[in-house]
N, C-alpha and C. Protein backbone atom coordinates (compact mmCIF):
# COMPACT_ATOMS: atom_id res chain seq x y z
N MET A 1 123.90 105.79 98.36
CA MET A 1 122.29 103.94 98.39
C MET A 1 122.19 103.53 98.98
N LYS A 2 121.29 104.10 99.77
CA LYS A 2 120.79 103.71 100.88
C LYS A 2 118.78 103.19 100.99
N LEU A 3 119.43 101.91 101.89
CA LEU A 3 118.38 100.67 102.44
C LEU A 3 116.79 101.72 103.42
N VAL A 4 116.02 101.72 102.77
CA VAL A 4 115.07 102.35 103.30
C VAL A 4 114.13 100.67 103.11
N TYR A 5 114.01 100.63 104.22
CA TYR A 5 113.08 99.28 104.59
C TYR A 5 111.75 99.65 105.95
N VAL A 6 110.41 99.44 105.31
CA VAL A 6 109.36 99.61 106.10
C VAL A 6 108.23 98.69 106.57
N PHE A 7 108.29 98.87 107.47
CA PHE A 7 107.90 97.56 107.80
C PHE A 7 106.76 98.02 109.15
N ASP A 8 105.04 97.23 110.04
CA ASP A 8 105.03 97.26 111.46
C ASP A 8 105.55 96.19 112.30
N ALA A 9 106.11 96.88 113.14
CA ALA A 9 105.91 95.41 114.15
C ALA A 9 104.96 95.00 114.53
N TYR A 10 103.96 95.12 113.75
CA TYR A 10 103.18 94.21 113.88
C TYR A 10 101.55 93.81 113.57
N CYS A 11 102.72 93.10 111.67
CA CYS A 11 102.68 92.59 110.51
C CYS A 11 103.53 91.43 110.67
N GLY A 12 102.91 89.73 110.11
CA GLY A 12 103.21 88.74 110.35
C GLY A 12 104.46 88.81 109.56
N TRP A 13 104.18 89.42 107.72
CA TRP A 13 104.68 89.55 106.83
C TRP A 13 106.64 90.33 106.90
N SER A 14 106.33 90.97 107.80
CA SER A 14 107.83 90.89 108.01
C SER A 14 108.24 90.63 109.70
N TYR A 15 107.51 89.70 110.54
CA TYR A 15 108.28 89.11 111.08
C TYR A 15 109.37 87.92 110.42
N GLY A 16 108.59 87.94 109.63
CA GLY A 16 109.01 86.88 108.85
C GLY A 16 109.77 87.30 107.71
N PHE A 17 110.49 88.15 108.10
CA PHE A 17 111.18 88.78 106.96
C PHE A 17 112.27 89.39 107.73
N ALA A 18 112.24 89.41 109.06
CA ALA A 18 113.18 90.17 109.79
C ALA A 18 115.14 89.06 109.53
N PRO A 19 114.59 87.49 109.49
CA PRO A 19 116.27 86.54 109.19
C PRO A 19 117.00 87.25 108.00
N THR A 20 115.50 87.61 107.02
CA THR A 20 115.84 87.88 105.63
C THR A 20 116.95 88.97 105.21
N LEU A 21 116.35 90.66 105.98
CA LEU A 21 116.69 91.66 106.17
C LEU A 21 118.08 92.11 106.89
N ALA A 22 118.04 91.20 107.76
CA ALA A 22 119.56 90.62 109.25
C ALA A 22 120.23 89.85 108.11
N GLU A 23 120.07 89.25 107.21
CA GLU A 23 121.12 88.97 106.31
C GLU A 23 121.74 89.54 105.80
N VAL A 24 120.68 90.78 104.98
CA VAL A 24 121.24 92.12 103.92
C VAL A 24 121.99 91.77 104.84
N VAL A 25 121.94 93.08 106.02
CA VAL A 25 123.11 94.13 106.01
C VAL A 25 123.56 92.68 106.76
N ARG A 26 123.86 92.36 106.79
CA ARG A 26 125.40 91.63 107.00
C ARG A 26 126.13 90.92 106.15
N ARG A 27 125.98 91.36 104.78
CA ARG A 27 126.33 91.26 103.17
C ARG A 27 127.15 91.97 102.89
N HIS A 28 126.16 94.00 103.38
CA HIS A 28 126.55 95.48 102.59
C HIS A 28 126.46 95.77 104.26
N ARG A 29 127.42 95.84 104.96
CA ARG A 29 127.38 95.91 105.87
C ARG A 29 127.81 97.82 105.33
N ASP A 30 128.58 97.66 104.26
CA ASP A 30 128.51 99.48 103.77
C ASP A 30 127.36 99.72 103.50
N LEU A 31 126.37 99.76 102.55
CA LEU A 31 124.77 100.42 103.16
C LEU A 31 124.09 100.75 104.25
N GLU A 32 123.76 101.84 104.61
CA GLU A 32 123.14 103.01 105.56
C GLU A 32 121.83 101.77 105.22
N VAL A 33 121.39 102.05 106.82
CA VAL A 33 119.53 101.59 106.82
C VAL A 33 118.39 101.71 107.54
N ASP A 34 118.19 102.83 106.79
CA ASP A 34 116.81 103.71 106.97
C ASP A 34 115.53 102.39 108.03
N VAL A 35 115.34 102.36 109.25
CA VAL A 35 114.25 101.80 109.05
C VAL A 35 112.90 102.49 109.89
N VAL A 36 111.68 102.05 109.26
CA VAL A 36 111.06 103.70 108.97
C VAL A 36 109.34 102.57 109.41
N SER A 37 108.88 103.40 110.91
CA SER A 37 106.91 102.60 110.61
C SER A 37 106.41 102.67 109.62
N GLY A 38 105.69 101.75 110.10
CA GLY A 38 104.21 102.36 108.54
C GLY A 38 103.12 102.11 109.95
N GLY A 39 101.82 102.09 109.12
CA GLY A 39 100.47 102.36 110.18
C GLY A 39 99.08 101.53 109.84
N LEU A 40 100.16 100.15 109.73
CA LEU A 40 98.89 99.28 109.39
C LEU A 40 97.66 99.05 110.62
N PHE A 41 97.68 99.26 111.99
CA PHE A 41 97.00 99.14 112.78
C PHE A 41 96.51 100.41 113.51
N THR A 42 96.10 101.23 112.86
CA THR A 42 96.21 102.32 113.72
C THR A 42 94.20 103.00 113.10
N GLY A 43 94.27 104.28 113.33
CA GLY A 43 92.52 104.54 113.52
C GLY A 43 91.88 103.26 113.75
N ALA A 44 90.56 103.48 112.83
CA ALA A 44 89.56 101.73 112.65
C ALA A 44 89.89 100.86 112.75
N ARG A 45 91.27 99.86 112.71
CA ARG A 45 91.73 98.96 112.65
C ARG A 45 91.98 99.00 113.69
N ARG A 46 92.30 99.58 114.97
CA ARG A 46 92.76 99.68 115.79
C ARG A 46 91.37 98.56 116.30
N VAL A 47 91.35 97.28 116.13
CA VAL A 47 89.76 96.35 116.88
C VAL A 47 90.61 95.13 117.49
N PRO A 48 89.77 94.47 118.29
CA PRO A 48 90.69 93.37 118.56
C PRO A 48 91.14 93.07 117.27
N ILE A 49 92.25 91.69 117.90
CA ILE A 49 92.50 91.05 117.27
C ILE A 49 91.65 89.69 116.92
N ARG A 50 90.75 89.50 117.07
CA ARG A 50 89.37 88.88 117.12
C ARG A 50 88.83 88.36 115.28
N GLU A 51 88.52 90.62 115.48
CA GLU A 51 87.22 90.94 114.45
C GLU A 51 89.76 90.48 113.24
N PHE A 52 90.25 90.13 112.82
CA PHE A 52 91.08 89.84 111.89
C PHE A 52 90.43 88.01 111.27
N GLY A 53 90.20 87.32 111.17
CA GLY A 53 90.25 86.04 110.70
C GLY A 53 91.48 85.73 110.52
N TYR A 54 91.64 87.13 109.44
CA TYR A 54 92.72 85.80 108.26
C TYR A 54 94.27 85.30 109.09
N VAL A 55 93.51 85.84 110.43
CA VAL A 55 95.12 86.22 110.83
C VAL A 55 95.78 84.19 110.82
N GLN A 56 95.28 83.85 111.71
CA GLN A 56 95.97 82.74 111.58
C GLN A 56 96.50 81.54 110.01
N GLY A 57 96.02 82.09 109.07
CA GLY A 57 95.87 81.28 108.20
C GLY A 57 97.37 82.32 107.59
N ALA A 58 97.21 83.58 107.80
CA ALA A 58 98.34 84.45 107.47
C ALA A 58 100.03 83.38 107.64
N ASN A 59 99.78 83.74 108.99
CA ASN A 59 100.52 83.01 109.60
C ASN A 59 101.39 81.83 109.17
N ALA A 60 100.20 81.37 109.50
CA ALA A 60 100.48 79.72 108.44
C ALA A 60 101.12 79.34 106.95
N LYS A 61 101.21 81.01 106.24
CA LYS A 61 102.03 81.04 105.19
C LYS A 61 102.57 81.58 105.74
N ILE A 62 103.43 82.29 106.45
CA ILE A 62 104.77 82.61 106.49
C ILE A 62 105.46 82.42 107.29
N THR A 63 104.74 80.99 108.30
CA THR A 63 105.79 79.99 108.13
C THR A 63 106.31 78.37 107.45
N GLU A 64 105.42 79.30 106.45
CA GLU A 64 105.71 78.09 105.70
C GLU A 64 106.79 78.75 104.59
N LEU A 65 107.09 79.90 104.09
CA LEU A 65 106.79 80.51 103.65
C LEU A 65 109.01 80.91 103.65
N THR A 66 108.55 81.48 105.51
CA THR A 66 109.59 82.06 106.11
C THR A 66 110.30 81.23 107.14
N GLY A 67 109.46 79.71 107.50
CA GLY A 67 110.41 79.20 108.23
C GLY A 67 109.94 80.44 109.81
N ALA A 68 109.69 80.99 110.18
CA ALA A 68 109.04 82.44 111.02
C ALA A 68 108.51 82.16 112.46
N ALA A 69 108.86 81.17 113.44
CA ALA A 69 107.78 80.42 114.82
C ALA A 69 107.03 81.59 115.61
N PHE A 70 106.31 81.14 115.81
CA PHE A 70 105.29 81.93 116.46
C PHE A 70 105.50 81.42 117.87
N GLY A 71 105.12 82.25 118.98
CA GLY A 71 105.70 81.68 120.21
C GLY A 71 104.09 81.09 121.69
N ALA A 72 104.32 80.45 121.95
CA ALA A 72 102.92 80.09 123.19
C ALA A 72 102.75 81.43 123.17
N GLY A 73 103.16 82.03 124.04
CA GLY A 73 102.87 83.53 124.28
C GLY A 73 101.47 84.38 123.00
N TYR A 74 102.02 84.44 122.50
CA TYR A 74 101.06 85.21 121.14
C TYR A 74 99.95 83.77 120.74
N ALA A 75 99.91 82.86 120.62
CA ALA A 75 98.61 82.51 120.35
C ALA A 75 98.04 82.15 121.79
N ARG A 76 98.35 82.79 122.63
CA ARG A 76 97.61 82.38 123.73
C ARG A 76 96.92 84.00 123.57
N LEU A 77 97.20 85.00 122.29
CA LEU A 77 96.44 85.97 122.40
C LEU A 77 95.82 86.12 121.39
N ILE A 78 96.00 85.35 120.29
CA ILE A 78 94.94 84.91 119.96
C ILE A 78 94.18 83.60 119.92
N ALA A 79 94.72 83.04 121.20
CA ALA A 79 92.90 82.27 121.28
C ALA A 79 92.29 83.40 122.27
N ASP A 80 92.32 84.18 123.22
CA ASP A 80 91.89 84.94 124.01
C ASP A 80 90.73 86.26 122.46
N GLY A 81 91.96 86.41 121.76
CA GLY A 81 90.93 87.34 121.08
C GLY A 81 90.60 89.02 121.34
N SER A 82 91.19 89.25 122.64
CA SER A 82 90.43 90.96 122.46
C SER A 82 92.08 91.87 122.95
N PHE A 83 93.27 91.04 121.84
CA PHE A 83 94.55 92.34 121.83
C PHE A 83 94.34 93.26 120.68
N VAL A 84 94.11 94.25 121.29
CA VAL A 84 94.13 95.44 120.20
C VAL A 84 95.04 96.26 119.80
N MET A 85 95.80 95.03 118.34
CA MET A 85 97.53 95.57 117.61
C MET A 85 97.07 97.50 117.60
N ASP A 86 98.04 97.54 118.37
CA ASP A 86 97.94 100.02 117.41
C ASP A 86 98.93 99.81 116.78
N SER A 87 99.31 100.03 116.06
CA SER A 87 101.29 99.61 115.26
C SER A 87 101.28 101.83 115.77
N GLU A 88 101.14 102.91 116.20
CA GLU A 88 100.60 103.92 116.48
C GLU A 88 102.12 104.39 117.99
N ALA A 89 102.13 102.85 118.64
CA ALA A 89 101.95 102.38 119.59
C ALA A 89 103.51 102.63 119.84
N ALA A 90 103.47 101.16 118.43
CA ALA A 90 105.19 99.62 118.42
C ALA A 90 105.33 100.88 117.90
N ALA A 91 105.25 102.07 116.88
CA ALA A 91 105.74 103.72 116.43
C ALA A 91 106.46 103.87 116.70
N ARG A 92 105.40 103.94 117.88
CA ARG A 92 106.69 104.50 119.04
C ARG A 92 108.05 104.38 119.29
N GLY A 93 107.30 103.01 119.61
CA GLY A 93 108.56 101.69 119.98
C GLY A 93 109.57 101.66 119.48
N VAL A 94 109.44 101.65 118.78
CA VAL A 94 110.97 101.75 117.44
C VAL A 94 111.31 102.66 117.41
N ALA A 95 110.12 104.29 117.49
CA ALA A 95 111.39 105.10 117.31
C ALA A 95 112.98 105.70 118.74
N ALA A 96 111.85 105.44 120.14
CA ALA A 96 112.10 104.73 121.29
C ALA A 96 113.44 104.34 121.31
N LEU A 97 114.26 103.29 120.15
CA LEU A 97 115.07 102.69 119.90
C LEU A 97 115.95 103.13 119.27
N ARG A 98 115.67 103.37 118.04
CA ARG A 98 116.61 103.66 117.26
C ARG A 98 116.73 105.25 117.75
N ARG A 99 116.46 106.36 118.45
CA ARG A 99 116.81 107.45 118.53
C ARG A 99 117.69 106.48 120.04
N ILE A 100 117.59 106.14 120.14
CA ILE A 100 118.26 105.95 121.90
C ILE A 100 120.16 104.40 121.09
N ALA A 101 119.49 104.23 120.46
CA ALA A 101 120.62 103.32 119.55
C ALA A 101 120.89 102.65 117.67
N PRO A 102 121.17 104.39 116.87
CA PRO A 102 120.01 104.29 116.17
C PRO A 102 121.60 103.12 114.56
N ASP A 103 122.36 102.96 115.68
CA ASP A 103 123.25 101.70 114.39
C ASP A 103 122.26 100.59 115.31
N ARG A 104 121.81 100.11 115.98
CA ARG A 104 120.98 98.58 116.16
C ARG A 104 119.67 99.00 114.97
N ALA A 105 119.33 99.87 114.54
CA ALA A 105 117.35 100.14 114.50
C ALA A 105 117.00 98.19 114.15
N VAL A 106 117.79 98.32 112.36
CA VAL A 106 117.54 96.28 111.92
C VAL A 106 117.11 96.05 113.36
N GLU A 107 118.27 95.44 114.38
CA GLU A 107 118.55 94.07 115.29
C GLU A 107 117.72 95.40 116.39
N LEU A 108 117.03 96.03 116.83
CA LEU A 108 116.42 95.95 117.79
C LEU A 108 114.46 96.32 117.44
N ALA A 109 114.45 96.90 115.92
CA ALA A 109 112.99 96.21 115.17
C ALA A 109 112.96 94.77 115.37
N ALA A 110 113.65 94.22 114.92
CA ALA A 110 113.71 92.64 114.99
C ALA A 110 113.06 91.85 116.14
N ALA A 111 114.49 92.11 117.51
CA ALA A 111 114.18 91.91 118.86
C ALA A 111 111.90 92.41 119.39
N LEU A 112 111.56 94.16 119.21
CA LEU A 112 110.25 94.05 118.84
C LEU A 112 108.75 93.05 118.96
N GLN A 113 109.77 92.38 118.01
CA GLN A 113 108.62 91.50 117.06
C GLN A 113 108.96 90.62 117.28
N HIS A 114 109.71 90.45 117.83
CA HIS A 114 109.82 88.93 118.86
C HIS A 114 109.75 89.53 119.45
N ALA A 115 109.13 89.87 120.43
CA ALA A 115 108.39 90.57 121.94
C ALA A 115 106.94 90.12 121.99
N PHE A 116 106.31 90.31 120.62
CA PHE A 116 105.35 90.29 120.32
C PHE A 116 104.93 88.85 120.29
N TYR A 117 105.47 88.26 119.24
CA TYR A 117 105.69 86.94 118.03
C TYR A 117 105.61 85.12 118.88
N VAL A 118 106.42 85.69 119.86
CA VAL A 118 107.38 84.99 120.72
C VAL A 118 106.75 84.43 121.48
N ASP A 119 106.51 85.93 122.24
CA ASP A 119 105.99 85.54 123.80
C ASP A 119 104.92 86.14 123.91
N GLY A 120 104.42 87.15 123.27
CA GLY A 120 103.22 87.62 122.94
C GLY A 120 103.19 89.06 124.07
N LEU A 121 103.79 90.56 124.28
CA LEU A 121 103.64 90.96 125.06
C LEU A 121 103.53 92.23 124.65
N SER A 122 102.65 93.35 125.34
CA SER A 122 101.43 93.92 123.85
C SER A 122 103.30 95.65 123.85
N LEU A 123 102.91 95.59 123.20
CA LEU A 123 103.75 96.33 122.34
C LEU A 123 103.59 98.60 122.53
N SER A 124 101.78 98.19 123.32
CA SER A 124 101.75 99.83 124.43
C SER A 124 101.89 99.53 125.92
N ASP A 125 102.54 98.70 126.02
CA ASP A 125 103.28 98.86 126.97
C ASP A 125 104.75 99.33 127.02
N PRO A 126 104.80 99.73 128.32
CA PRO A 126 106.57 100.75 128.26
C PRO A 126 107.09 99.10 128.81
N ALA A 127 106.16 98.78 129.88
CA ALA A 127 107.51 97.17 130.24
C ALA A 127 107.82 96.26 129.11
N THR A 128 107.30 96.23 128.67
CA THR A 128 107.69 95.92 126.81
C THR A 128 109.03 96.41 127.02
N TYR A 129 109.12 97.17 126.64
CA TYR A 129 110.40 97.51 126.07
C TYR A 129 111.84 98.33 127.09
N ARG A 130 111.02 97.51 128.47
CA ARG A 130 112.47 97.56 129.48
C ARG A 130 112.22 95.83 129.35
N THR A 131 111.54 95.65 129.61
CA THR A 131 111.91 93.82 129.05
C THR A 131 113.04 93.87 127.63
N VAL A 132 113.04 94.60 126.44
CA VAL A 132 113.70 94.73 125.35
C VAL A 132 114.53 94.95 125.48
N ALA A 133 115.21 96.12 125.89
CA ALA A 133 116.73 96.91 126.40
C ALA A 133 117.56 96.10 127.12
N GLU A 134 116.47 95.21 128.86
CA GLU A 134 117.41 94.28 129.17
C GLU A 134 118.06 92.41 128.71
N ALA A 135 116.98 92.32 127.33
CA ALA A 135 117.37 92.02 126.23
C ALA A 135 118.66 91.92 125.55
N ASN A 136 118.45 93.64 125.61
CA ASN A 136 119.73 93.55 124.32
C ASN A 136 120.78 94.79 124.58
N GLY A 137 121.06 94.75 126.65
CA GLY A 137 121.83 95.44 126.41
C GLY A 137 121.80 97.78 127.21
N LEU A 138 120.74 97.59 126.92
CA LEU A 138 119.96 98.84 126.55
C LEU A 138 119.90 99.12 128.18
N ASP A 139 120.12 100.75 128.55
CA ASP A 139 119.39 100.72 129.74
C ASP A 139 117.84 100.89 130.36
N PRO A 140 117.23 100.30 131.14
CA PRO A 140 115.61 100.11 130.34
C PRO A 140 114.92 101.13 130.65
N ASP A 141 115.32 102.22 131.96
CA ASP A 141 114.86 103.12 132.82
C ASP A 141 115.11 104.04 131.54
N THR A 142 116.20 104.07 130.08
CA THR A 142 116.02 105.21 129.63
C THR A 142 115.53 105.14 128.64
N VAL A 143 114.96 103.39 128.16
CA VAL A 143 113.82 103.23 127.17
C VAL A 143 112.87 103.13 126.99
N ALA A 144 112.50 102.89 128.59
CA ALA A 144 110.89 103.79 128.65
C ALA A 144 111.07 104.62 129.26
N ASP A 145 111.57 105.40 129.05
CA ASP A 145 110.69 107.16 128.97
C ASP A 145 110.88 107.59 128.47
N ALA A 146 112.26 107.16 127.22
CA ALA A 146 112.18 107.22 125.75
C ALA A 146 111.02 106.80 124.88
N PHE A 147 110.21 105.20 125.49
CA PHE A 147 108.55 105.73 124.59
C PHE A 147 107.78 106.38 124.86
N SER A 148 107.02 106.78 126.09
CA SER A 148 106.90 107.45 126.76
C SER A 148 107.11 109.14 126.09
N ALA A 149 108.32 109.41 125.21
CA ALA A 149 108.29 111.27 125.90
C ALA A 149 107.96 110.98 123.90
N PRO A 150 107.22 112.64 123.83
CA PRO A 150 106.47 113.86 122.95
C PRO A 150 106.81 113.20 121.81
N GLU A 151 109.01 113.15 122.30
CA GLU A 151 108.92 113.05 121.00
C GLU A 151 109.36 112.26 119.94
N SER A 152 109.18 110.49 120.65
CA SER A 152 108.48 109.50 120.12
C SER A 152 107.37 109.54 118.75
N ALA A 153 106.59 110.42 120.14
CA ALA A 153 105.02 110.51 119.87
C ALA A 153 105.38 110.61 118.17
N ALA A 154 105.98 112.24 118.20
CA ALA A 154 106.13 112.30 116.48
C ALA A 154 106.76 112.05 116.03
N GLU A 155 108.07 111.58 115.64
CA GLU A 155 108.76 110.62 115.38
C GLU A 155 107.49 109.26 114.03
N ALA A 156 105.90 108.07 115.36
CA ALA A 156 106.14 107.88 115.02
C ALA A 156 105.05 108.88 113.66
N GLU A 157 104.69 109.32 113.84
CA GLU A 157 103.87 110.47 112.72
C GLU A 157 104.35 110.77 111.84
N ALA A 158 106.00 111.33 112.31
CA ALA A 158 106.44 110.85 110.73
C ALA A 158 107.20 110.06 109.96
N ASP A 159 106.74 109.18 110.45
CA ASP A 159 107.77 107.65 109.88
C ASP A 159 105.86 107.83 108.64
N PHE A 160 104.99 107.64 110.16
CA PHE A 160 103.81 107.09 109.13
C PHE A 160 104.02 107.96 107.31
N SER A 161 104.63 109.05 107.40
CA SER A 161 103.90 109.79 106.61
C SER A 161 105.21 110.24 105.76
N ARG A 162 106.28 109.20 105.86
CA ARG A 162 107.13 108.95 105.10
C ARG A 162 107.38 108.19 104.64
N SER A 163 106.12 107.19 105.08
CA SER A 163 105.84 105.66 103.97
C SER A 163 105.17 106.38 103.33
N ALA A 164 104.05 106.79 103.63
CA ALA A 164 103.00 106.70 102.40
C ALA A 164 103.74 108.00 101.27
N ALA A 165 105.30 109.07 101.39
CA ALA A 165 105.20 109.20 100.20
C ALA A 165 105.57 108.65 99.86
N LEU A 166 106.69 107.79 100.64
CA LEU A 166 107.37 106.26 99.00
C LEU A 166 107.08 105.91 99.18
N GLY A 167 105.45 106.11 99.23
CA GLY A 167 104.13 105.09 98.47
C GLY A 167 104.22 103.77 99.16
N VAL A 168 104.68 103.82 99.48
CA VAL A 168 104.02 101.61 100.52
C VAL A 168 103.19 102.25 100.82
N ASP A 169 102.56 100.53 100.49
CA ASP A 169 101.03 100.23 100.66
C ASP A 169 101.08 98.89 101.17
N ALA A 170 102.25 98.10 101.59
CA ALA A 170 102.56 96.52 102.37
C ALA A 170 104.35 96.40 102.75
N TYR A 171 103.40 95.84 103.25
CA TYR A 171 104.69 95.78 104.77
C TYR A 171 104.73 93.74 104.60
N PRO A 172 106.35 93.45 105.11
CA PRO A 172 107.58 95.17 104.47
C PRO A 172 108.11 95.80 103.23
N THR A 173 108.59 96.56 103.02
CA THR A 173 108.82 97.24 101.72
C THR A 173 110.79 97.35 101.96
N LEU A 174 111.26 96.91 101.42
CA LEU A 174 112.28 97.30 100.90
C LEU A 174 112.99 97.65 99.82
N LEU A 175 113.17 99.17 99.99
CA LEU A 175 113.52 100.01 99.17
C LEU A 175 114.16 100.64 98.93
N ALA A 176 115.47 100.06 98.16
CA ALA A 176 117.03 101.67 97.41
C ALA A 176 116.21 103.07 97.60
N LEU A 177 117.00 103.62 98.03
CA LEU A 177 116.41 105.22 97.91
C LEU A 177 118.71 105.15 97.34
N ASP A 178 118.55 105.93 95.50
CA ASP A 178 119.53 106.71 95.08
C ASP A 178 119.02 108.27 94.48
N GLY A 179 119.10 108.62 95.60
CA GLY A 179 119.14 110.63 95.05
C GLY A 179 117.98 110.31 94.90
N GLY A 180 117.77 110.75 93.94
CA GLY A 180 115.93 111.35 94.75
C GLY A 180 114.66 110.08 93.72
N ARG A 181 115.24 109.31 94.08
CA ARG A 181 114.93 107.20 92.74
C ARG A 181 114.80 106.63 93.64
N ALA A 182 113.63 105.81 94.36
CA ALA A 182 113.14 104.50 94.98
C ALA A 182 112.46 103.43 94.78
N THR A 183 113.73 102.42 95.05
CA THR A 183 113.24 101.32 93.85
C THR A 183 113.04 100.28 95.24
N ARG A 184 111.06 99.42 95.01
CA ARG A 184 111.53 98.41 95.50
C ARG A 184 111.92 96.97 94.86
N LEU A 185 112.90 96.93 96.32
CA LEU A 185 113.98 95.58 96.27
C LEU A 185 113.43 93.96 96.42
N ALA A 186 111.93 94.45 97.63
CA ALA A 186 110.80 93.75 98.19
C ALA A 186 109.92 93.83 98.90
N VAL A 187 108.60 92.87 98.84
CA VAL A 187 107.56 93.84 99.25
C VAL A 187 107.02 92.13 99.52
N GLY A 188 106.67 92.17 100.69
CA GLY A 188 106.10 91.41 101.92
C GLY A 188 107.20 90.12 101.84
N HIS A 189 107.68 89.35 101.11
CA HIS A 189 108.66 87.75 101.53
C HIS A 189 109.45 87.99 99.87
N ALA A 190 111.36 87.80 99.81
CA ALA A 190 112.56 87.86 99.68
C ALA A 190 113.46 87.12 99.84
N GLY A 191 114.39 86.16 99.89
CA GLY A 191 115.18 86.47 99.93
C GLY A 191 116.08 86.96 99.47
N ALA A 192 116.99 86.29 100.34
CA ALA A 192 118.25 87.62 100.26
C ALA A 192 119.42 87.70 99.57
N ASP A 193 119.30 86.17 98.51
CA ASP A 193 119.67 86.18 97.09
C ASP A 193 119.80 87.09 95.77
N GLU A 194 118.30 86.84 95.37
CA GLU A 194 116.89 87.55 95.62
C GLU A 194 117.16 89.57 94.92
N ILE A 195 117.56 89.52 96.40
CA ILE A 195 117.31 90.93 97.25
C ILE A 195 118.46 91.56 96.25
N ASP A 196 119.92 90.64 96.27
CA ASP A 196 120.87 90.94 95.40
C ASP A 196 121.55 90.46 93.99
N ARG A 197 120.03 89.65 93.41
CA ARG A 197 120.40 90.35 92.72
C ARG A 197 119.51 91.96 92.08
N ARG A 198 118.55 92.01 92.87
CA ARG A 198 118.54 92.88 92.76
C ARG A 198 118.87 94.70 92.34
N LEU A 199 119.18 94.22 94.52
CA LEU A 199 120.74 95.47 94.18
C LEU A 199 122.13 95.65 93.33
N ALA A 200 122.53 94.45 93.13
CA ALA A 200 123.49 94.05 91.69
C ALA A 200 122.59 95.16 90.37
N THR A 201 121.81 95.64 90.44
CA THR A 201 121.87 96.97 89.20
C THR A 201 122.12 97.98 90.14
N PHE A 202 122.38 98.27 90.78
CA PHE A 202 122.61 99.07 90.68
C PHE A 202 124.18 100.24 91.67
N ALA A 203 124.68 98.86 92.45
CA ALA A 203 125.89 99.44 92.88
C ALA A 203 126.72 97.48 93.21
N PRO A 204 128.82 97.30 93.15
CA PRO A 204 128.27 96.22 93.34
C PRO A 204 127.62 95.25 94.24
N THR A 205 127.74 94.48 94.36
CA THR A 205 127.71 93.46 95.69
C THR A 205 129.34 93.64 96.24
N SER A 206 128.34 94.48 98.22
CA SER A 206 129.59 93.86 98.75
C SER A 206 130.26 92.55 99.67
């Protein structure tokens, strides 16, 4: 059995869920975790953030339920309203980091979300990946080059296809994958204890 975490780096609920996922990983170090990007803002949904009038209300709810703090850099993006969230670019970044440091995929996915939701950095900008790399002990040139590489674009598309094949239609979704069976452990919001109780139906907690 392994866990599959389907998220979107531009999803506020995924940002709020990151500490829970980190705690689940800490408790279950024996479980492999696949980090898969969804395509929340692709195609016609790549529009200025002001078009999503629900964002501020949703962020308030995320903070209420998870304690997640949204930073001043992100607040400036919301106030300006012109920023365009592009999930394909973000998924390329996730793929690049995942390829360079596969054992740190969960941690680095959270670092990307911190870069956006706290610092207000664009996940379409190679400079953001340099900043994330430096903050996490990775080589900035290697990470920036990987972000721009065709392989990362291909992996992003593969992630979107895998997310769809797993039937994921909301982010974040945490799945337990056991052979051919995928069971949802959390969708949107859940605590680590709640996830543990669901995991206990598959295998003893560790």
